[in-house]
N, C-alpha and C. Protein backbone atom coordinates (compact mmCIF):
# COMPACT_ATOMS: atom_id res chain seq x y z
N MET A 1 -82.02 -3.64 -93.44
CA MET A 1 -83.11 -3.71 -92.33
C MET A 1 -84.27 -3.21 -92.87
N SER A 2 -85.45 -3.25 -92.11
CA SER A 2 -86.75 -2.88 -92.58
C SER A 2 -86.81 -1.50 -92.78
N ASN A 3 -87.28 -1.23 -94.05
CA ASN A 3 -87.46 0.08 -94.46
C ASN A 3 -88.14 1.07 -93.49
N ASP A 4 -89.21 0.57 -92.58
CA ASP A 4 -89.72 1.78 -91.70
C ASP A 4 -88.83 2.09 -90.56
N LEU A 5 -87.48 1.55 -90.41
CA LEU A 5 -86.74 1.89 -89.43
C LEU A 5 -85.53 2.81 -90.09
N GLY A 6 -85.43 2.84 -91.22
CA GLY A 6 -84.34 3.60 -91.65
C GLY A 6 -83.06 2.84 -91.65
N GLU A 7 -81.93 3.64 -91.51
CA GLU A 7 -80.66 3.00 -91.34
C GLU A 7 -80.39 2.53 -89.99
N VAL A 8 -79.88 1.22 -90.01
CA VAL A 8 -79.56 0.57 -88.86
C VAL A 8 -78.08 0.05 -88.87
N ILE A 9 -77.30 0.34 -87.87
CA ILE A 9 -75.83 -0.35 -87.73
C ILE A 9 -76.09 -1.40 -86.80
N ILE A 10 -75.53 -2.66 -87.32
CA ILE A 10 -75.57 -3.78 -86.33
C ILE A 10 -74.25 -4.16 -86.09
N GLU A 11 -73.91 -4.41 -84.89
CA GLU A 11 -72.77 -4.74 -84.47
C GLU A 11 -72.40 -6.06 -83.65
N ARG A 12 -71.76 -7.16 -84.00
CA ARG A 12 -71.56 -8.28 -83.37
C ARG A 12 -70.38 -8.46 -82.65
N THR A 13 -70.41 -8.94 -81.31
CA THR A 13 -69.42 -9.24 -80.60
C THR A 13 -69.45 -10.69 -79.61
N ARG A 14 -68.24 -11.31 -79.98
CA ARG A 14 -68.23 -12.79 -79.41
C ARG A 14 -67.55 -12.66 -78.31
N ASN A 15 -68.01 -13.38 -77.35
CA ASN A 15 -67.49 -13.58 -75.96
C ASN A 15 -67.61 -15.13 -75.49
N GLY A 16 -66.58 -15.89 -75.93
CA GLY A 16 -66.86 -17.49 -75.83
C GLY A 16 -67.95 -17.96 -76.65
N PRO A 17 -68.76 -18.71 -75.70
CA PRO A 17 -69.97 -19.20 -76.38
C PRO A 17 -71.00 -18.24 -76.57
N TYR A 18 -70.97 -17.05 -76.26
CA TYR A 18 -72.06 -15.93 -76.39
C TYR A 18 -71.96 -15.15 -77.56
N LEU A 19 -72.95 -14.47 -77.73
CA LEU A 19 -72.67 -13.29 -78.92
C LEU A 19 -73.84 -12.19 -78.33
N LYS A 20 -73.02 -10.90 -78.51
CA LYS A 20 -73.88 -9.78 -78.20
C LYS A 20 -74.03 -8.95 -79.55
N VAL A 21 -75.26 -8.85 -79.88
CA VAL A 21 -75.49 -8.01 -81.06
C VAL A 21 -76.14 -6.72 -80.50
N SER A 22 -75.68 -5.63 -81.22
CA SER A 22 -76.11 -4.32 -80.79
C SER A 22 -76.58 -3.65 -82.23
N ALA A 23 -77.74 -2.97 -81.87
CA ALA A 23 -78.60 -2.45 -83.30
C ALA A 23 -78.59 -1.03 -82.72
N ILE A 24 -78.12 0.12 -83.40
CA ILE A 24 -77.89 1.24 -83.33
C ILE A 24 -78.81 1.99 -84.60
N HIS A 25 -79.77 2.70 -84.34
CA HIS A 25 -80.48 3.60 -85.04
C HIS A 25 -79.81 4.82 -85.59
N VAL A 26 -79.41 4.97 -86.88
CA VAL A 26 -78.37 6.03 -87.05
C VAL A 26 -79.22 7.61 -86.89
N ALA A 27 -80.26 7.72 -87.29
CA ALA A 27 -80.97 8.86 -87.07
C ALA A 27 -81.21 9.48 -85.85
N THR A 28 -81.54 8.57 -84.93
CA THR A 28 -81.57 8.99 -83.29
C THR A 28 -80.46 8.73 -82.45
N GLY A 29 -79.67 7.70 -82.96
CA GLY A 29 -78.38 7.21 -81.94
C GLY A 29 -78.93 6.37 -80.89
N LYS A 30 -80.21 5.96 -80.88
CA LYS A 30 -80.65 5.03 -79.90
C LYS A 30 -80.10 3.65 -80.23
N GLU A 31 -79.60 2.92 -79.12
CA GLU A 31 -78.99 1.85 -79.22
C GLU A 31 -79.39 0.77 -78.15
N VAL A 32 -79.68 -0.43 -78.59
CA VAL A 32 -80.06 -1.51 -77.87
C VAL A 32 -79.30 -2.74 -78.16
N SER A 33 -79.27 -3.95 -77.35
CA SER A 33 -78.46 -4.74 -77.45
C SER A 33 -78.99 -6.16 -76.92
N ALA A 34 -78.69 -7.33 -77.42
CA ALA A 34 -79.36 -8.60 -77.06
C ALA A 34 -78.19 -9.62 -77.10
N MET A 35 -78.39 -10.58 -76.17
CA MET A 35 -77.32 -11.52 -75.97
C MET A 35 -78.00 -12.89 -76.25
N GLY A 36 -76.97 -13.98 -76.88
CA GLY A 36 -77.42 -15.07 -77.25
C GLY A 36 -76.36 -16.14 -77.47
N SER A 37 -76.80 -17.24 -77.95
CA SER A 37 -75.89 -18.25 -78.36
C SER A 37 -74.95 -17.75 -79.80
N VAL A 38 -73.65 -17.92 -79.74
CA VAL A 38 -73.01 -17.67 -80.98
C VAL A 38 -73.43 -18.67 -82.17
N HIS A 39 -74.19 -19.69 -81.73
CA HIS A 39 -74.67 -20.66 -82.73
C HIS A 39 -75.93 -20.32 -83.45
N GLY A 40 -76.51 -19.13 -82.83
CA GLY A 40 -77.93 -18.65 -83.63
C GLY A 40 -77.65 -17.13 -83.60
N PRO A 41 -76.55 -16.54 -84.62
CA PRO A 41 -76.64 -15.12 -84.78
C PRO A 41 -77.72 -14.38 -85.56
N THR A 42 -78.28 -15.12 -86.31
CA THR A 42 -79.63 -14.49 -86.91
C THR A 42 -80.65 -14.22 -85.96
N ALA A 43 -80.81 -15.32 -85.03
CA ALA A 43 -81.88 -15.06 -84.01
C ALA A 43 -81.76 -14.32 -83.20
N VAL A 44 -80.37 -13.88 -82.71
CA VAL A 44 -80.04 -12.68 -81.79
C VAL A 44 -80.10 -11.34 -82.72
N GLU A 45 -79.69 -11.39 -83.74
CA GLU A 45 -79.91 -10.16 -84.58
C GLU A 45 -81.38 -9.77 -84.59
N ARG A 46 -82.34 -10.64 -84.79
CA ARG A 46 -83.85 -10.38 -85.05
C ARG A 46 -84.16 -9.88 -83.60
N VAL A 47 -83.67 -10.54 -82.48
CA VAL A 47 -84.04 -9.87 -81.31
C VAL A 47 -83.86 -8.54 -80.88
N ALA A 48 -82.43 -8.21 -81.39
CA ALA A 48 -81.90 -6.93 -81.15
C ALA A 48 -82.99 -6.04 -81.98
N VAL A 49 -82.91 -6.35 -83.24
CA VAL A 49 -83.78 -5.31 -84.08
C VAL A 49 -85.42 -5.17 -83.59
N ALA A 50 -85.75 -6.21 -82.99
CA ALA A 50 -87.29 -6.34 -82.53
C ALA A 50 -87.23 -5.30 -81.26
N LYS A 51 -86.05 -5.31 -80.40
CA LYS A 51 -86.18 -4.53 -79.18
C LYS A 51 -85.82 -2.98 -79.71
N LEU A 52 -85.11 -2.67 -81.02
CA LEU A 52 -84.82 -1.38 -81.28
C LEU A 52 -86.29 -0.83 -81.69
N ARG A 53 -86.95 -1.68 -82.42
CA ARG A 53 -88.51 -1.14 -82.77
C ARG A 53 -89.12 -0.72 -81.72
N ARG A 54 -89.30 -1.54 -80.48
CA ARG A 54 -89.98 -1.22 -79.45
C ARG A 54 -89.32 -0.05 -78.66
N ALA A 55 -88.07 0.17 -78.71
CA ALA A 55 -87.37 1.22 -78.03
C ALA A 55 -87.95 2.70 -78.87
N LEU A 56 -88.17 2.53 -80.25
CA LEU A 56 -88.48 3.70 -81.00
C LEU A 56 -90.01 3.90 -81.17
N GLY A 57 -90.68 2.97 -80.75
CA GLY A 57 -92.25 3.04 -80.54
C GLY A 57 -92.83 2.68 -81.92
N LEU A 58 -91.93 1.60 -82.52
CA LEU A 58 -92.52 1.23 -83.96
C LEU A 58 -93.05 -0.22 -83.77
N ALA A 59 -93.15 -0.78 -82.65
CA ALA A 59 -93.50 -2.26 -82.40
C ALA A 59 -95.09 -2.34 -82.97
N SER A 60 -95.43 -3.53 -83.64
CA SER A 60 -96.75 -3.55 -83.83
C SER A 60 -97.28 -4.76 -83.21
């Protein structure tokens, strides 16, 4: 992940045609998730990381 975030754990859970990606910031324990198509896992991961950045006040 991006250096300014520090350590981030990414968890992917498939439910039929959907993919839930959770992003957990290790230092704070803050967790966010995003849902999307199982056919676009990197896009769903990017959304989850962007949501985490906003939740931590790091959005630019």
